[in-house]
Structure formats: C-alpha cells, structure tokens
Amino acid sequence: MKFLIPLLFISVVYSQTPCDNIRTRSQWGSRSTSLTWMAVRPPSGFVIHHTAGARCTTQAACDGQMRNLQNFHIDSNGWADVGYNFCIGDPGQVYEGRGYGRVGAHSPGFSARSLGHCFFGNHMSVLPSSAALSSTQAFIDCSRARGELTASHWLSTHRNDGSVATTCPGDALFNVVSTWPRFVGNP
C-alpha cells in the first residue's frame, strides 16, 4: 500500500523592521543641507522628544510635518537642519531627519552621542498611537542590531538631559517611555 504524503509549502512572509522602512529625506521632500558627522560612532544614547505641535495620521500629513519642522528649525532656530535624527507619526512610519551618524541639535550635552527621536504631537496628556510606540521600540532594537547604537546603549528623554527646564516629551509619553528597557533618568 502506497501512501501519498502531500507536500506542504510554507510561505514565509518577510516583515520589514522600521530600520528597513525609513521614509528618506528625499521621499518627504527635505531641503538640501550640510550635515555634520558624529566623531564617535555608534552613539551610546537614544533620546525621546515630542514636537509639541500637531499630530499626523497620514503619510502626506507626516511629510508636511517633516518639512514644517525642518523649516522651523532652520529658519527660526538657525540650526543647520531639522534637529532630530528621526521622527515618527501616528501611522508608525519612521522618518529620516538628520539620520544615522550625524550630530543632531536635539539635546544639548547629548546630541553628539545620541540619536534624537521625536514623536509628532503634544503628548502631555495623550499618548502617541500604539503603532508609533511599538514601531519606536522596534526601531531602537533594530538600530542596535545594525550597529547604529552601542550594544549597551541607554534610553532617556529630553527632560532628563538637564540642559533646560522642559516638559518634553510630555507627561503621558514620559510615563510610558520611562518603563521601557534601558531607560535611565540621568544619562
């Protein structure tokens, strides 16, 4: 008696990490700027911020927010570019600001040795979307795995850098981020 054993074909679905799916400067319509490279790579810290402005819920709105943020940082603050290395909106898409390996203008005292990551919106009393929160955690992990953060990196927020009195990244977001792995209150 012969038995026929059906062959099972298992389809593996490739799931992109946020590090694989960063919306680049050219995709969101960045101005051309001259950026300074970090002297020490990879950085040892990851600093969380919020823009304290409007949230964005679509790619088109987040693209516009990136352009507005860049214009404000260059034209009003006199900075060389958008101050953050990366940003994220409610859809969970990571946006390239200054990107990897470049000194940000996000956290005096820590910019040269950390990646600055901002959430669009004001997060004093309202959290970012669950997609943005989980995408940020995955982005931290994959950045470390790719050597863009040290293996022993720390995580903190703008309010913890001691440079200025600020409520950034907002009380609601701070209360969540302060429970994440590697969080330190005094980097």
C-alpha atoms as a PDB file:
ATOM      1  CA  MET A   1       0.000   0.000   0.000  1.00  0.00           C
ATOM      2  CA  LYS A   2       1.383   3.331  -1.001  1.00  0.00           C
ATOM      3  CA  PHE A   3       0.722   6.458   0.988  1.00  0.00           C
ATOM      4  CA  LEU A   4       0.868   9.758  -0.683  1.00  0.00           C
ATOM      5  CA  ILE A   5       2.075  12.471   1.605  1.00  0.00           C
ATOM      6  CA  PRO A   6       1.125  15.895   0.421  1.00  0.00           C
ATOM      7  CA  LEU A   7       3.928  18.373   0.344  1.00  0.00           C
ATOM      8  CA  LEU A   8       3.319  21.405   2.437  1.00  0.00           C
ATOM      9  CA  PHE A   9       4.618  24.654   1.135  1.00  0.00           C
ATOM     10  CA  ILE A  10       5.176  27.130   3.864  1.00  0.00           C
ATOM     11  CA  SER A  11       5.092  30.672   2.772  1.00  0.00           C
ATOM     12  CA  VAL A  12       7.331  32.930   4.782  1.00  0.00           C
ATOM     13  CA  VAL A  13       6.181  36.499   4.821  1.00  0.00           C
ATOM     14  CA  TYR A  14       9.011  38.958   5.143  1.00  0.00           C
ATOM     15  CA  SER A  15       8.144  41.543   7.724  1.00  0.00           C
ATOM     16  CA  GLN A  16      10.079  44.758   7.413  1.00  0.00           C
ATOM     17  CA  THR A  17      11.518  46.320  10.527  1.00  0.00           C
ATOM     18  CA  PRO A  18      11.363  50.095  10.964  1.00  0.00           C
ATOM     19  CA  CYS A  19      15.074  50.142  10.047  1.00  0.00           C
ATOM     20  CA  ASP A  20      14.176  48.628   6.666  1.00  0.00           C
ATOM     21  CA  ASN A  21      11.347  51.050   6.045  1.00  0.00           C
ATOM     22  CA  ILE A  22      12.593  54.535   6.886  1.00  0.00           C
ATOM     23  CA  ARG A  23      10.969  57.305   4.866  1.00  0.00           C
ATOM     24  CA  THR A  24      14.029  59.051   3.475  1.00  0.00           C
ATOM     25  CA  ARG A  25      14.729  62.756   3.267  1.00  0.00           C
ATOM     26  CA  SER A  26      14.137  62.765  -0.482  1.00  0.00           C
ATOM     27  CA  GLN A  27      10.812  60.931  -0.056  1.00  0.00           C
ATOM     28  CA  TRP A  28       9.404  63.522   2.363  1.00  0.00           C
ATOM     29  CA  GLY A  29      10.817  66.480   0.408  1.00  0.00           C
ATOM     30  CA  SER A  30      13.729  67.659   2.543  1.00  0.00           C
ATOM     31  CA  ARG A  31      15.636  70.834   1.817  1.00  0.00           C
ATOM     32  CA  SER A  32      19.266  70.309   0.898  1.00  0.00           C
ATOM     33  CA  THR A  33      21.553  70.944   3.873  1.00  0.00           C
ATOM     34  CA  SER A  34      25.094  70.295   5.026  1.00  0.00           C
ATOM     35  CA  LEU A  35      25.185  67.895   7.945  1.00  0.00           C
ATOM     36  CA  THR A  36      27.935  67.216  10.478  1.00  0.00           C
ATOM     37  CA  TRP A  37      29.023  63.618  11.017  1.00  0.00           C
ATOM     38  CA  MET A  38      29.421  62.181  14.504  1.00  0.00           C
ATOM     39  CA  ALA A  39      33.002  61.831  15.642  1.00  0.00           C
ATOM     40  CA  VAL A  40      32.191  58.726  17.682  1.00  0.00           C
ATOM     41  CA  ARG A  41      30.087  56.042  16.109  1.00  0.00           C
ATOM     42  CA  PRO A  42      27.878  54.402  17.072  1.00  0.00           C
ATOM     43  CA  PRO A  43      26.214  56.671  19.626  1.00  0.00           C
ATOM     44  CA  SER A  44      25.547  55.379  23.116  1.00  0.00           C
ATOM     45  CA  GLY A  45      22.155  57.009  23.703  1.00  0.00           C
ATOM     46  CA  PHE A  46      18.633  57.353  22.353  1.00  0.00           C
ATOM     47  CA  VAL A  47      16.740  60.496  23.419  1.00  0.00           C
ATOM     48  CA  ILE A  48      12.936  60.727  23.048  1.00  0.00           C
ATOM     49  CA  HIS A  49      11.176  64.025  22.243  1.00  0.00           C
ATOM     50  CA  HIS A  50       7.804  65.315  21.081  1.00  0.00           C
ATOM     51  CA  THR A  51       7.234  68.201  18.701  1.00  0.00           C
ATOM     52  CA  ALA A  52       4.528  69.682  20.980  1.00  0.00           C
ATOM     53  CA  GLY A  53       2.688  70.593  17.766  1.00  0.00           C
ATOM     54  CA  ALA A  54       0.155  68.809  15.605  1.00  0.00           C
ATOM     55  CA  ARG A  55      -0.020  65.049  15.187  1.00  0.00           C
ATOM     56  CA  CYS A  56      -0.061  63.418  11.775  1.00  0.00           C
ATOM     57  CA  THR A  57      -2.131  60.420  10.769  1.00  0.00           C
ATOM     58  CA  THR A  58      -1.324  60.014   7.065  1.00  0.00           C
ATOM     59  CA  GLN A  59       1.869  59.834   5.047  1.00  0.00           C
ATOM     60  CA  ALA A  60       1.054  63.118   3.297  1.00  0.00           C
ATOM     61  CA  ALA A  61       0.425  64.877   6.616  1.00  0.00           C
ATOM     62  CA  CYS A  62       3.615  63.468   8.155  1.00  0.00           C
ATOM     63  CA  ASP A  63       5.631  64.505   5.076  1.00  0.00           C
ATOM     64  CA  GLY A  64       4.259  68.019   5.566  1.00  0.00           C
ATOM     65  CA  GLN A  65       5.085  67.935   9.272  1.00  0.00           C
ATOM     66  CA  MET A  66       8.681  66.979   8.470  1.00  0.00           C
ATOM     67  CA  ARG A  67       9.010  69.884   6.037  1.00  0.00           C
ATOM     68  CA  ASN A  68       7.417  72.302   8.543  1.00  0.00           C
ATOM     69  CA  LEU A  69       9.697  71.074  11.308  1.00  0.00           C
ATOM     70  CA  GLN A  70      12.777  71.405   9.125  1.00  0.00           C
ATOM     71  CA  ASN A  71      11.785  74.916   8.032  1.00  0.00           C
ATOM     72  CA  PHE A  72      11.186  75.974  11.641  1.00  0.00           C
ATOM     73  CA  HIS A  73      14.488  74.555  12.862  1.00  0.00           C
ATOM     74  CA  ILE A  74      16.479  76.148  10.022  1.00  0.00           C
ATOM     75  CA  ASP A  75      14.643  79.452   9.571  1.00  0.00           C
ATOM     76  CA  SER A  76      13.617  80.233  13.164  1.00  0.00           C
ATOM     77  CA  ASN A  77      16.181  78.399  15.299  1.00  0.00           C
ATOM     78  CA  GLY A  78      19.112  78.971  12.930  1.00  0.00           C
ATOM     79  CA  TRP A  79      20.104  75.315  13.005  1.00  0.00           C
ATOM     80  CA  ALA A  80      21.785  73.510  10.104  1.00  0.00           C
ATOM     81  CA  ASP A  81      18.799  71.183   9.632  1.00  0.00           C
ATOM     82  CA  VAL A  82      15.914  69.517  11.427  1.00  0.00           C
ATOM     83  CA  GLY A  83      17.211  68.909  14.943  1.00  0.00           C
ATOM     84  CA  TYR A  84      16.239  65.240  15.296  1.00  0.00           C
ATOM     85  CA  ASN A  85      17.849  62.204  13.750  1.00  0.00           C
ATOM     86  CA  PHE A  86      14.459  60.539  13.263  1.00  0.00           C
ATOM     87  CA  CYS A  87      10.761  61.305  13.765  1.00  0.00           C
ATOM     88  CA  ILE A  88       7.591  59.243  13.864  1.00  0.00           C
ATOM     89  CA  GLY A  89       3.910  59.890  13.284  1.00  0.00           C
ATOM     90  CA  ASP A  90       0.788  58.029  14.340  1.00  0.00           C
ATOM     91  CA  PRO A  91       0.888  55.595  11.376  1.00  0.00           C
ATOM     92  CA  GLY A  92       4.150  54.186  12.821  1.00  0.00           C
ATOM     93  CA  GLN A  93       6.348  55.188   9.869  1.00  0.00           C
ATOM     94  CA  VAL A  94       9.862  56.284  10.879  1.00  0.00           C
ATOM     95  CA  TYR A  95      11.095  59.437   9.110  1.00  0.00           C
ATOM     96  CA  GLU A  96      14.728  60.250   8.465  1.00  0.00           C
ATOM     97  CA  GLY A  97      15.655  63.629   9.921  1.00  0.00           C
ATOM     98  CA  ARG A  98      19.412  64.007  10.147  1.00  0.00           C
ATOM     99  CA  GLY A  99      19.659  60.232  10.008  1.00  0.00           C
ATOM    100  CA  TYR A 100      22.255  57.847  11.396  1.00  0.00           C
ATOM    101  CA  GLY A 101      25.794  59.002  12.087  1.00  0.00           C
ATOM    102  CA  ARG A 102      25.008  62.720  12.193  1.00  0.00           C
ATOM    103  CA  VAL A 103      25.086  65.050  15.181  1.00  0.00           C
ATOM    104  CA  GLY A 104      21.609  66.338  15.992  1.00  0.00           C
ATOM    105  CA  ALA A 105      20.553  69.578  17.662  1.00  0.00           C
ATOM    106  CA  HIS A 106      18.027  67.876  19.897  1.00  0.00           C
ATOM    107  CA  SER A 107      19.591  67.666  23.320  1.00  0.00           C
ATOM    108  CA  PRO A 108      22.447  69.958  24.377  1.00  0.00           C
ATOM    109  CA  GLY A 109      25.113  67.871  26.029  1.00  0.00           C
ATOM    110  CA  PHE A 110      23.863  64.624  24.483  1.00  0.00           C
ATOM    111  CA  SER A 111      23.356  65.395  20.781  1.00  0.00           C
ATOM    112  CA  ALA A 112      26.884  64.347  19.833  1.00  0.00           C
ATOM    113  CA  ARG A 113      26.488  60.950  21.490  1.00  0.00           C
ATOM    114  CA  SER A 114      22.841  60.052  20.971  1.00  0.00           C
ATOM    115  CA  LEU A 115      20.132  59.644  18.389  1.00  0.00           C
ATOM    116  CA  GLY A 116      17.271  62.109  18.818  1.00  0.00           C
ATOM    117  CA  HIS A 117      13.845  60.648  18.051  1.00  0.00           C
ATOM    118  CA  CYS A 118      10.680  62.765  18.133  1.00  0.00           C
ATOM    119  CA  PHE A 119       7.015  61.893  18.113  1.00  0.00           C
ATOM    120  CA  PHE A 120       4.774  64.290  16.200  1.00  0.00           C
ATOM    121  CA  GLY A 121       2.241  65.878  18.501  1.00  0.00           C
ATOM    122  CA  ASN A 122       1.816  67.147  22.025  1.00  0.00           C
ATOM    123  CA  HIS A 123       1.962  64.244  24.438  1.00  0.00           C
ATOM    124  CA  MET A 124       1.340  65.964  27.759  1.00  0.00           C
ATOM    125  CA  SER A 125      -1.949  64.141  28.308  1.00  0.00           C
ATOM    126  CA  VAL A 126      -2.436  61.966  25.216  1.00  0.00           C
ATOM    127  CA  LEU A 127      -0.194  59.129  24.096  1.00  0.00           C
ATOM    128  CA  PRO A 128       1.028  58.627  20.548  1.00  0.00           C
ATOM    129  CA  SER A 129      -0.668  55.777  18.702  1.00  0.00           C
ATOM    130  CA  SER A 130       0.190  52.219  19.669  1.00  0.00           C
ATOM    131  CA  ALA A 131       1.695  51.851  16.160  1.00  0.00           C
ATOM    132  CA  ALA A 132       4.091  54.745  16.817  1.00  0.00           C
ATOM    133  CA  LEU A 133       5.058  53.416  20.250  1.00  0.00           C
ATOM    134  CA  SER A 134       5.697  49.836  19.119  1.00  0.00           C
ATOM    135  CA  SER A 135       7.456  50.992  15.947  1.00  0.00           C
ATOM    136  CA  THR A 136       9.799  53.155  18.034  1.00  0.00           C
ATOM    137  CA  GLN A 137      10.681  50.244  20.310  1.00  0.00           C
ATOM    138  CA  ALA A 138      11.362  48.065  17.270  1.00  0.00           C
ATOM    139  CA  PHE A 139      13.398  50.895  15.713  1.00  0.00           C
ATOM    140  CA  ILE A 140      15.605  51.090  18.825  1.00  0.00           C
ATOM    141  CA  ASP A 141      16.157  47.316  18.732  1.00  0.00           C
ATOM    142  CA  CYS A 142      16.956  47.122  15.045  1.00  0.00           C
ATOM    143  CA  SER A 143      19.222  50.211  15.234  1.00  0.00           C
ATOM    144  CA  ARG A 144      21.215  48.443  17.956  1.00  0.00           C
ATOM    145  CA  ALA A 145      21.255  45.181  15.982  1.00  0.00           C
ATOM    146  CA  ARG A 146      22.634  47.017  12.935  1.00  0.00           C
ATOM    147  CA  GLY A 147      25.374  48.698  14.940  1.00  0.00           C
ATOM    148  CA  GLU A 148      23.797  52.169  14.802  1.00  0.00           C
ATOM    149  CA  LEU A 149      23.602  52.223  18.634  1.00  0.00           C
ATOM    150  CA  THR A 150      26.089  50.685  21.043  1.00  0.00           C
ATOM    151  CA  ALA A 151      25.161  47.294  22.456  1.00  0.00           C
ATOM    152  CA  SER A 152      24.994  48.880  25.920  1.00  0.00           C
ATOM    153  CA  HIS A 153      23.063  51.995  24.851  1.00  0.00           C
ATOM    154  CA  TRP A 154      20.844  53.976  27.209  1.00  0.00           C
ATOM    155  CA  LEU A 155      17.414  55.485  26.604  1.00  0.00           C
ATOM    156  CA  SER A 156      16.180  58.757  28.061  1.00  0.00           C
ATOM    157  CA  THR A 157      14.065  61.824  27.310  1.00  0.00           C
ATOM    158  CA  HIS A 158      14.776  65.482  26.649  1.00  0.00           C
ATOM    159  CA  ARG A 159      13.546  66.440  30.138  1.00  0.00           C
ATOM    160  CA  ASN A 160      16.246  64.214  31.626  1.00  0.00           C
ATOM    161  CA  ASP A 161      19.238  65.782  29.870  1.00  0.00           C
ATOM    162  CA  GLY A 162      19.480  68.604  32.415  1.00  0.00           C
ATOM    163  CA  SER A 163      20.173  71.268  29.785  1.00  0.00           C
ATOM    164  CA  VAL A 164      16.901  73.178  30.063  1.00  0.00           C
ATOM    165  CA  ALA A 165      13.739  73.001  32.115  1.00  0.00           C
ATOM    166  CA  THR A 166      11.307  71.283  29.766  1.00  0.00           C
ATOM    167  CA  THR A 167       8.304  69.004  29.898  1.00  0.00           C
ATOM    168  CA  CYS A 168       9.392  67.298  26.641  1.00  0.00           C
ATOM    169  CA  PRO A 169       8.340  64.628  25.625  1.00  0.00           C
ATOM    170  CA  GLY A 170       5.126  65.314  27.513  1.00  0.00           C
ATOM    171  CA  ASP A 171       3.931  63.686  30.726  1.00  0.00           C
ATOM    172  CA  ALA A 172       1.878  60.924  29.097  1.00  0.00           C
ATOM    173  CA  LEU A 173       4.706  59.849  26.781  1.00  0.00           C
ATOM    174  CA  PHE A 174       7.329  60.182  29.531  1.00  0.00           C
ATOM    175  CA  ASN A 175       5.299  57.896  31.818  1.00  0.00           C
ATOM    176  CA  VAL A 176       5.361  55.160  29.172  1.00  0.00           C
ATOM    177  CA  VAL A 177       8.944  55.606  27.931  1.00  0.00           C
ATOM    178  CA  SER A 178      10.300  55.579  31.488  1.00  0.00           C
ATOM    179  CA  THR A 179       9.131  51.934  31.761  1.00  0.00           C
ATOM    180  CA  TRP A 180      10.996  50.805  28.626  1.00  0.00           C
ATOM    181  CA  PRO A 181      14.167  48.704  28.823  1.00  0.00           C
ATOM    182  CA  ARG A 182      17.422  50.657  29.232  1.00  0.00           C
ATOM    183  CA  PHE A 183      15.691  53.828  30.426  1.00  0.00           C
ATOM    184  CA  VAL A 184      17.875  55.998  32.636  1.00  0.00           C
ATOM    185  CA  GLY A 185      16.709  59.109  34.427  1.00  0.00           C
ATOM    186  CA  ASN A 186      20.141  60.760  34.479  1.00  0.00           C
ATOM    187  CA  PRO A 187      22.235  59.851  31.461  1.00  0.00           C
END
